[in-house]
PDB file of N, CA and C in Angstrom:
ATOM      1  N   MET A   1     -42.792  26.940   1.970  1.00  0.00           N
ATOM      2  CA  MET A   1     -43.836  25.967   1.919  1.00  0.00           C
ATOM      3  C   MET A   1     -42.934  24.835   1.439  1.00  0.00           C
ATOM      4  N   LYS A   2     -43.145  23.775   2.109  1.00  0.00           N
ATOM      5  CA  LYS A   2     -42.338  22.496   1.543  1.00  0.00           C
ATOM      6  C   LYS A   2     -43.337  21.425   1.060  1.00  0.00           C
ATOM      7  N   ILE A   3     -42.961  20.526   0.076  1.00  0.00           N
ATOM      8  CA  ILE A   3     -43.828  19.570  -0.410  1.00  0.00           C
ATOM      9  C   ILE A   3     -43.140  18.447  -0.355  1.00  0.00           C
ATOM     10  N   THR A   4     -43.515  17.383   0.160  1.00  0.00           N
ATOM     11  CA  THR A   4     -42.900  16.027  -0.210  1.00  0.00           C
ATOM     12  C   THR A   4     -43.416  15.065  -0.651  1.00  0.00           C
ATOM     13  N   ILE A   5     -43.006  14.391  -1.936  1.00  0.00           N
ATOM     14  CA  ILE A   5     -43.486  13.317  -2.683  1.00  0.00           C
ATOM     15  C   ILE A   5     -42.802  12.033  -2.578  1.00  0.00           C
ATOM     16  N   ASP A   6     -43.499  11.207  -2.265  1.00  0.00           N
ATOM     17  CA  ASP A   6     -42.485   9.833  -1.972  1.00  0.00           C
ATOM     18  C   ASP A   6     -43.417   8.781  -2.897  1.00  0.00           C
ATOM     19  N   VAL A   7     -42.387   8.213  -3.931  1.00  0.00           N
ATOM     20  CA  VAL A   7     -42.670   7.793  -5.051  1.00  0.00           C
ATOM     21  C   VAL A   7     -42.135   6.188  -4.957  1.00  0.00           C
ATOM     22  N   ASP A   8     -43.012   5.069  -4.682  1.00  0.00           N
ATOM     23  CA  ASP A   8     -42.795   3.640  -4.751  1.00  0.00           C
ATOM     24  C   ASP A   8     -42.621   3.140  -6.052  1.00  0.00           C
ATOM     25  N   CYS A   9     -41.647   2.638  -6.536  1.00  0.00           N
ATOM     26  CA  CYS A   9     -41.429   2.179  -7.745  1.00  0.00           C
ATOM     27  C   CYS A   9     -40.351   1.498  -8.006  1.00  0.00           C
ATOM     28  N   THR A  10     -40.050   0.218  -8.903  1.00  0.00           N
ATOM     29  CA  THR A  10     -38.944  -0.405  -9.031  1.00  0.00           C
ATOM     30  C   THR A  10     -37.696   0.559  -9.857  1.00  0.00           C
ATOM     31  N   PRO A  11     -36.691   0.053  -9.795  1.00  0.00           N
ATOM     32  CA  PRO A  11     -36.073   0.832 -10.986  1.00  0.00           C
ATOM     33  C   PRO A  11     -36.203   0.625 -12.097  1.00  0.00           C
ATOM     34  N   GLU A  12     -36.634  -0.323 -12.681  1.00  0.00           N
ATOM     35  CA  GLU A  12     -37.260  -0.690 -14.106  1.00  0.00           C
ATOM     36  C   GLU A  12     -38.454   0.508 -14.447  1.00  0.00           C
ATOM     37  N   GLU A  13     -39.458   0.238 -13.295  1.00  0.00           N
ATOM     38  CA  GLU A  13     -40.561   1.456 -13.766  1.00  0.00           C
ATOM     39  C   GLU A  13     -40.184   2.923 -13.838  1.00  0.00           C
ATOM     40  N   ALA A  14     -39.144   3.304 -12.895  1.00  0.00           N
ATOM     41  CA  ALA A  14     -38.525   4.680 -13.111  1.00  0.00           C
ATOM     42  C   ALA A  14     -37.673   5.006 -14.151  1.00  0.00           C
ATOM     43  N   ARG A  15     -37.043   4.128 -14.874  1.00  0.00           N
ATOM     44  CA  ARG A  15     -36.173   4.096 -15.915  1.00  0.00           C
ATOM     45  C   ARG A  15     -37.427   4.382 -17.178  1.00  0.00           C
ATOM     46  N   SER A  16     -38.460   3.520 -17.149  1.00  0.00           N
ATOM     47  CA  SER A  16     -39.251   3.494 -18.260  1.00  0.00           C
ATOM     48  C   SER A  16     -40.083   4.501 -18.062  1.00  0.00           C
ATOM     49  N   PHE A  17     -40.298   5.107 -16.844  1.00  0.00           N
ATOM     50  CA  PHE A  17     -41.304   6.580 -16.698  1.00  0.00           C
ATOM     51  C   PHE A  17     -40.432   7.677 -16.953  1.00  0.00           C
ATOM     52  N   LEU A  18     -39.303   7.590 -17.077  1.00  0.00           N
ATOM     53  CA  LEU A  18     -38.468   8.779 -17.425  1.00  0.00           C
ATOM     54  C   LEU A  18     -38.026   8.681 -18.612  1.00  0.00           C
ATOM     55  N   GLY A  19     -37.896   7.571 -19.322  1.00  0.00           N
ATOM     56  CA  GLY A  19     -37.326   7.644 -20.741  1.00  0.00           C
ATOM     57  C   GLY A  19     -36.265   7.120 -20.760  1.00  0.00           C
ATOM     58  N   LEU A  20     -35.490   6.363 -19.913  1.00  0.00           N
ATOM     59  CA  LEU A  20     -33.964   6.177 -19.723  1.00  0.00           C
ATOM     60  C   LEU A  20     -33.916   4.880 -20.355  1.00  0.00           C
ATOM     61  N   PRO A  21     -32.799   4.447 -21.153  1.00  0.00           N
ATOM     62  CA  PRO A  21     -32.960   3.039 -21.759  1.00  0.00           C
ATOM     63  C   PRO A  21     -32.407   2.003 -20.769  1.00  0.00           C
ATOM     64  N   ASP A  22     -32.817   0.867 -21.233  1.00  0.00           N
ATOM     65  CA  ASP A  22     -32.560  -0.384 -20.325  1.00  0.00           C
ATOM     66  C   ASP A  22     -31.338  -0.931 -20.637  1.00  0.00           C
ATOM     67  N   VAL A  23     -30.202  -0.519 -19.725  1.00  0.00           N
ATOM     68  CA  VAL A  23     -28.892  -0.984 -20.045  1.00  0.00           C
ATOM     69  C   VAL A  23     -28.328  -2.484 -19.356  1.00  0.00           C
ATOM     70  N   ALA A  24     -29.341  -3.192 -18.892  1.00  0.00           N
ATOM     71  CA  ALA A  24     -29.204  -4.308 -18.456  1.00  0.00           C
ATOM     72  C   ALA A  24     -28.656  -5.608 -19.227  1.00  0.00           C
ATOM     73  N   PRO A  25     -29.108  -5.496 -20.636  1.00  0.00           N
ATOM     74  CA  PRO A  25     -28.661  -6.680 -21.390  1.00  0.00           C
ATOM     75  C   PRO A  25     -27.441  -6.127 -22.020  1.00  0.00           C
ATOM     76  N   LEU A  26     -26.766  -4.812 -22.156  1.00  0.00           N
ATOM     77  CA  LEU A  26     -25.842  -4.192 -22.385  1.00  0.00           C
ATOM     78  C   LEU A  26     -24.731  -4.889 -21.352  1.00  0.00           C
ATOM     79  N   GLN A  27     -25.022  -4.331 -19.902  1.00  0.00           N
ATOM     80  CA  GLN A  27     -24.092  -4.725 -18.964  1.00  0.00           C
ATOM     81  C   GLN A  27     -24.045  -6.255 -18.788  1.00  0.00           C
ATOM     82  N   GLN A  28     -24.872  -7.033 -18.983  1.00  0.00           N
ATOM     83  CA  GLN A  28     -24.641  -8.458 -19.168  1.00  0.00           C
ATOM     84  C   GLN A  28     -23.662  -8.982 -20.143  1.00  0.00           C
ATOM     85  N   GLU A  29     -23.568  -8.275 -21.430  1.00  0.00           N
ATOM     86  CA  GLU A  29     -23.014  -8.684 -22.308  1.00  0.00           C
ATOM     87  C   GLU A  29     -21.479  -8.173 -21.987  1.00  0.00           C
ATOM     88  N   MET A  30     -21.193  -7.032 -21.612  1.00  0.00           N
ATOM     89  CA  MET A  30     -19.964  -6.280 -21.233  1.00  0.00           C
ATOM     90  C   MET A  30     -19.282  -7.318 -19.947  1.00  0.00           C
ATOM     91  N   MET A  31     -20.111  -7.615 -19.260  1.00  0.00           N
ATOM     92  CA  MET A  31     -19.494  -8.579 -18.197  1.00  0.00           C
ATOM     93  C   MET A  31     -18.994  -9.721 -18.415  1.00  0.00           C
ATOM     94  N   ALA A  32     -19.932 -10.494 -19.414  1.00  0.00           N
ATOM     95  CA  ALA A  32     -19.492 -11.731 -20.204  1.00  0.00           C
ATOM     96  C   ALA A  32     -18.267 -11.681 -20.792  1.00  0.00           C
ATOM     97  N   GLU A  33     -18.170 -10.271 -21.609  1.00  0.00           N
ATOM     98  CA  GLU A  33     -16.726 -10.206 -22.535  1.00  0.00           C
ATOM     99  C   GLU A  33     -15.404  -9.924 -21.421  1.00  0.00           C
ATOM    100  N   ILE A  34     -15.650  -9.485 -20.346  1.00  0.00           N
ATOM    101  CA  ILE A  34     -14.693  -9.183 -19.401  1.00  0.00           C
ATOM    102  C   ILE A  34     -14.222 -10.231 -18.903  1.00  0.00           C
ATOM    103  N   GLN A  35     -15.325 -11.079 -18.309  1.00  0.00           N
ATOM    104  CA  GLN A  35     -14.956 -12.144 -17.780  1.00  0.00           C
ATOM    105  C   GLN A  35     -14.336 -13.157 -18.922  1.00  0.00           C
ATOM    106  N   ARG A  36     -14.433 -13.405 -20.054  1.00  0.00           N
ATOM    107  CA  ARG A  36     -13.793 -14.371 -20.999  1.00  0.00           C
ATOM    108  C   ARG A  36     -12.285 -13.851 -21.226  1.00  0.00           C
ATOM    109  N   ARG A  37     -12.152 -12.234 -21.313  1.00  0.00           N
ATOM    110  CA  ARG A  37     -10.897 -11.885 -21.634  1.00  0.00           C
ATOM    111  C   ARG A  37      -9.945 -12.054 -20.359  1.00  0.00           C
ATOM    112  N   LEU A  38     -10.498 -12.032 -19.034  1.00  0.00           N
ATOM    113  CA  LEU A  38      -9.626 -12.360 -17.926  1.00  0.00           C
ATOM    114  C   LEU A  38      -9.483 -13.990 -17.834  1.00  0.00           C
ATOM    115  N   THR A  39     -10.125 -14.547 -18.285  1.00  0.00           N
ATOM    116  CA  THR A  39      -9.967 -16.022 -18.188  1.00  0.00           C
ATOM    117  C   THR A  39      -9.056 -16.334 -19.408  1.00  0.00           C
ATOM    118  N   ALA A  40      -9.372 -15.968 -20.403  1.00  0.00           N
ATOM    119  CA  ALA A  40      -8.059 -16.003 -21.453  1.00  0.00           C
ATOM    120  C   ALA A  40      -6.678 -15.551 -20.904  1.00  0.00           C
ATOM    121  N   GLY A  41      -6.619 -14.247 -20.235  1.00  0.00           N
ATOM    122  CA  GLY A  41      -5.391 -13.758 -19.781  1.00  0.00           C
ATOM    123  C   GLY A  41      -4.726 -14.620 -18.678  1.00  0.00           C
ATOM    124  N   LEU A  42      -5.319 -15.324 -17.771  1.00  0.00           N
ATOM    125  CA  LEU A  42      -5.083 -15.963 -16.592  1.00  0.00           C
ATOM    126  C   LEU A  42      -4.665 -17.363 -16.964  1.00  0.00           C
ATOM    127  N   ALA A  43      -5.307 -17.933 -18.328  1.00  0.00           N
ATOM    128  CA  ALA A  43      -4.681 -19.112 -18.808  1.00  0.00           C
ATOM    129  C   ALA A  43      -3.204 -19.038 -19.290  1.00  0.00           C
ATOM    130  N   THR A  44      -2.890 -18.085 -19.983  1.00  0.00           N
ATOM    131  CA  THR A  44      -1.373 -17.815 -20.269  1.00  0.00           C
ATOM    132  C   THR A  44      -0.411 -17.313 -18.869  1.00  0.00           C
ATOM    133  N   MET A  45      -1.098 -17.208 -17.941  1.00  0.00           N
ATOM    134  CA  MET A  45       0.122 -16.693 -17.133  1.00  0.00           C
ATOM    135  C   MET A  45      -0.309 -17.939 -16.024  1.00  0.00           C
ATOM    136  N   ASP A  46       0.781 -18.888 -16.256  1.00  0.00           N
ATOM    137  CA  ASP A  46       0.848 -20.008 -15.009  1.00  0.00           C
ATOM    138  C   ASP A  46       2.483 -19.603 -14.325  1.00  0.00           C
ATOM    139  N   PRO A  47       2.161 -20.080 -12.801  1.00  0.00           N
ATOM    140  CA  PRO A  47       2.962 -19.536 -11.887  1.00  0.00           C
ATOM    141  C   PRO A  47       4.559 -19.678 -12.010  1.00  0.00           C
ATOM    142  N   GLU A  48       4.865 -20.413 -12.830  1.00  0.00           N
ATOM    143  CA  GLU A  48       6.498 -20.653 -13.149  1.00  0.00           C
ATOM    144  C   GLU A  48       6.514 -19.274 -14.351  1.00  0.00           C
ATOM    145  N   THR A  49       5.777 -19.198 -15.201  1.00  0.00           N
ATOM    146  CA  THR A  49       6.046 -17.944 -16.189  1.00  0.00           C
ATOM    147  C   THR A  49       6.017 -16.393 -15.169  1.00  0.00           C
ATOM    148  N   LEU A  50       5.226 -16.568 -14.337  1.00  0.00           N
ATOM    149  CA  LEU A  50       5.238 -15.148 -13.379  1.00  0.00           C
ATOM    150  C   LEU A  50       6.371 -15.114 -12.735  1.00  0.00           C
ATOM    151  N   MET A  51       6.893 -16.168 -12.181  1.00  0.00           N
ATOM    152  CA  MET A  51       8.354 -16.041 -11.111  1.00  0.00           C
ATOM    153  C   MET A  51       9.267 -15.910 -12.029  1.00  0.00           C
ATOM    154  N   LYS A  52       9.331 -16.439 -13.415  1.00  0.00           N
ATOM    155  CA  LYS A  52      10.717 -16.150 -14.209  1.00  0.00           C
ATOM    156  C   LYS A  52      10.084 -14.562 -14.633  1.00  0.00           C
ATOM    157  N   THR A  53       9.482 -14.054 -14.538  1.00  0.00           N
ATOM    158  CA  THR A  53       8.878 -12.313 -15.017  1.00  0.00           C
ATOM    159  C   THR A  53       9.290 -11.820 -14.339  1.00  0.00           C
ATOM    160  N   TRP A  54       9.183 -12.044 -12.934  1.00  0.00           N
ATOM    161  CA  TRP A  54       9.029 -11.123 -11.658  1.00  0.00           C
ATOM    162  C   TRP A  54      10.196 -11.188 -10.829  1.00  0.00           C
ATOM    163  N   LEU A  55      10.569 -12.426 -10.643  1.00  0.00           N
ATOM    164  CA  LEU A  55      11.767 -12.629  -9.691  1.00  0.00           C
ATOM    165  C   LEU A  55      13.107 -11.874 -10.018  1.00  0.00           C
ATOM    166  N   PRO A  56      13.812 -12.094 -11.360  1.00  0.00           N
ATOM    167  CA  PRO A  56      14.825 -11.544 -11.705  1.00  0.00           C
ATOM    168  C   PRO A  56      14.885 -10.053 -11.426  1.00  0.00           C
ATOM    169  N   ALA A  57      13.838  -9.172 -11.867  1.00  0.00           N
ATOM    170  CA  ALA A  57      13.998  -7.897 -11.605  1.00  0.00           C
ATOM    171  C   ALA A  57      13.898  -7.509 -10.020  1.00  0.00           C
ATOM    172  N   GLY A  58      13.313  -8.062  -9.275  1.00  0.00           N
ATOM    173  CA  GLY A  58      13.155  -8.111  -7.965  1.00  0.00           C
ATOM    174  C   GLY A  58      14.193  -8.466  -7.229  1.00  0.00           C
ATOM    175  N   LEU A  59      14.854  -9.564  -7.570  1.00  0.00           N
ATOM    176  CA  LEU A  59      16.347  -9.811  -6.774  1.00  0.00           C
ATOM    177  C   LEU A  59      17.250  -8.852  -7.394  1.00  0.00           C
ATOM    178  N   GLN A  60      17.234  -8.172  -8.484  1.00  0.00           N
ATOM    179  CA  GLN A  60      18.321  -6.957  -9.086  1.00  0.00           C
ATOM    180  C   GLN A  60      18.073  -5.900  -8.125  1.00  0.00           C
ATOM    181  N   GLY A  61      16.915  -5.585  -7.926  1.00  0.00           N
ATOM    182  CA  GLY A  61      16.684  -4.484  -7.392  1.00  0.00           C
ATOM    183  C   GLY A  61      16.971  -4.360  -5.758  1.00  0.00           C
ATOM    184  N   MET A  62      16.954  -5.385  -5.095  1.00  0.00           N
ATOM    185  CA  MET A  62      17.122  -5.932  -3.819  1.00  0.00           C
ATOM    186  C   MET A  62      18.673  -5.882  -3.628  1.00  0.00           C
ATOM    187  N   GLU A  63      19.408  -6.269  -4.305  1.00  0.00           N
ATOM    188  CA  GLU A  63      21.038  -6.448  -4.668  1.00  0.00           C
ATOM    189  C   GLU A  63      21.389  -5.127  -4.501  1.00  0.00           C
ATOM    190  N   GLN A  64      20.826  -4.362  -5.576  1.00  0.00           N
ATOM    191  CA  GLN A  64      21.245  -2.807  -5.723  1.00  0.00           C
ATOM    192  C   GLN A  64      20.953  -1.836  -4.179  1.00  0.00           C
ATOM    193  N   LEU A  65      19.827  -2.202  -3.705  1.00  0.00           N
ATOM    194  CA  LEU A  65      19.195  -1.632  -2.462  1.00  0.00           C
ATOM    195  C   LEU A  65      20.361  -1.668  -1.582  1.00  0.00           C
ATOM    196  N   GLN A  66      20.705  -3.075  -1.406  1.00  0.00           N
ATOM    197  CA  GLN A  66      21.879  -3.440  -0.233  1.00  0.00           C
ATOM    198  C   GLN A  66      23.115  -2.914  -0.573  1.00  0.00           C
ATOM    199  N   LYS A  67      23.509  -2.941  -1.697  1.00  0.00           N
ATOM    200  CA  LYS A  67      24.874  -2.229  -2.205  1.00  0.00           C
ATOM    201  C   LYS A  67      24.995  -0.575  -1.783  1.00  0.00           C
ATOM    202  N   MET A  68      23.730  -0.225  -2.011  1.00  0.00           N
ATOM    203  CA  MET A  68      23.695   1.233  -1.746  1.00  0.00           C
ATOM    204  C   MET A  68      23.912   1.414  -0.312  1.00  0.00           C
ATOM    205  N   PHE A  69      23.024   0.678   0.401  1.00  0.00           N
ATOM    206  CA  PHE A  69      22.957   0.696   2.068  1.00  0.00           C
ATOM    207  C   PHE A  69      24.512   0.660   2.343  1.00  0.00           C
ATOM    208  N   TRP A  70      25.089  -0.484   1.789  1.00  0.00           N
ATOM    209  CA  TRP A  70      26.441  -1.042   2.556  1.00  0.00           C
ATOM    210  C   TRP A  70      27.287   0.505   2.029  1.00  0.00           C
ATOM    211  N   GLN A  71      27.284   0.856   0.847  1.00  0.00           N
ATOM    212  CA  GLN A  71      28.237   2.067   0.521  1.00  0.00           C
ATOM    213  C   GLN A  71      27.884   3.117   1.755  1.00  0.00           C
ATOM    214  N   GLN A  72      26.734   3.253   1.799  1.00  0.00           N
ATOM    215  CA  GLN A  72      26.418   4.691   2.888  1.00  0.00           C
ATOM    216  C   GLN A  72      27.017   4.326   4.238  1.00  0.00           C
ATOM    217  N   MET A  73      26.735   3.045   4.639  1.00  0.00           N
ATOM    218  CA  MET A  73      27.411   2.814   5.889  1.00  0.00           C
ATOM    219  C   MET A  73      29.023   2.846   6.060  1.00  0.00           C
ATOM    220  N   ASN A  74      29.540   2.276   4.986  1.00  0.00           N
ATOM    221  CA  ASN A  74      30.928   2.482   4.823  1.00  0.00           C
ATOM    222  C   ASN A  74      31.364   4.043   4.853  1.00  0.00           C
ATOM    223  N   LYS A  75      30.794   4.489   4.139  1.00  0.00           N
ATOM    224  CA  LYS A  75      31.180   6.130   4.132  1.00  0.00           C
ATOM    225  C   LYS A  75      31.022   6.847   5.639  1.00  0.00           C
ATOM    226  N   ALA A  76      29.707   6.254   6.086  1.00  0.00           N
ATOM    227  CA  ALA A  76      29.425   7.119   7.854  1.00  0.00           C
ATOM    228  C   ALA A  76      30.505   6.307   8.760  1.00  0.00           C
ATOM    229  N   GLY A  77      30.650   5.191   8.423  1.00  0.00           N
ATOM    230  CA  GLY A  77      31.483   4.540   9.452  1.00  0.00           C
ATOM    231  C   GLY A  77      33.013   4.560   9.568  1.00  0.00           C
ATOM    232  N   GLY A  78      33.261   5.351   8.243  1.00  0.00           N
ATOM    233  CA  GLY A  78      34.753   5.418   7.606  1.00  0.00           C
ATOM    234  C   GLY A  78      35.471   6.011   9.122  1.00  0.00           C
ATOM    235  N   PRO A  79      37.093   6.215   8.614  1.00  0.00           N
ATOM    236  CA  PRO A  79      37.806   6.692   9.359  1.00  0.00           C
ATOM    237  C   PRO A  79      37.545   8.313   9.562  1.00  0.00           C
ATOM    238  N   GLY A  80      37.258   8.806  10.776  1.00  0.00           N
ATOM    239  CA  GLY A  80      36.837  10.298  11.211  1.00  0.00           C
ATOM    240  C   GLY A  80      38.002  10.824  11.634  1.00  0.00           C
ATOM    241  N   PRO A  81      38.067  12.114  12.002  1.00  0.00           N
ATOM    242  CA  PRO A  81      39.215  13.245  12.513  1.00  0.00           C
ATOM    243  C   PRO A  81      39.617  12.220  13.155  1.00  0.00           C
ATOM    244  N   LYS A  82      41.223  12.220  13.599  1.00  0.00           N
ATOM    245  CA  LYS A  82      41.956  11.886  14.194  1.00  0.00           C
ATOM    246  C   LYS A  82      41.828  12.705  15.381  1.00  0.00           C
ATOM    247  N   PRO A  83      41.845  12.066  16.799  1.00  0.00           N
ATOM    248  CA  PRO A  83      41.933  12.732  18.083  1.00  0.00           C
ATOM    249  C   PRO A  83      43.340  13.686  18.256  1.00  0.00           C
ATOM    250  N   ARG A  84      43.363  14.737  18.669  1.00  0.00           N
ATOM    251  CA  ARG A  84      44.486  15.423  19.064  1.00  0.00           C
ATOM    252  C   ARG A  84      45.241  14.723  20.401  1.00  0.00           C
ATOM    253  N   GLU A  85      46.406  15.271  20.135  1.00  0.00           N
ATOM    254  CA  GLU A  85      47.548  14.429  21.492  1.00  0.00           C
ATOM    255  C   GLU A  85      47.714  15.577  22.290  1.00  0.00           C
ATOM    256  N   LYS A  86      47.646  15.171  23.534  1.00  0.00           N
ATOM    257  CA  LYS A  86      47.759  16.186  24.489  1.00  0.00           C
ATOM    258  C   LYS A  86      49.408  16.475  24.869  1.00  0.00           C
ATOM    259  N   LYS A  87      49.725  17.574  25.137  1.00  0.00           N
ATOM    260  CA  LYS A  87      51.059  17.861  25.308  1.00  0.00           C
ATOM    261  C   LYS A  87      51.649  18.069  26.765  1.00  0.00           C
TER     262      LYS A  87
END
């Protein structure tokens, strides 16, 4: 036997019927706090500061990677075994 019950209600009605708390005010407060913190954090991060912070480390990493590739290429392309002379 299978019984199906369809309930047509809003989320607020279902929450109150099941005795769950209404978290909408808390959610709005938390979202406002997150927005305030993000805005304050973005105000301190101007593009010039970001470039000074990120670029030197990125360039050094690229230079090291390039040096490593060149070292490996020099090792691979170095002098190999000498060909044997025909008698």
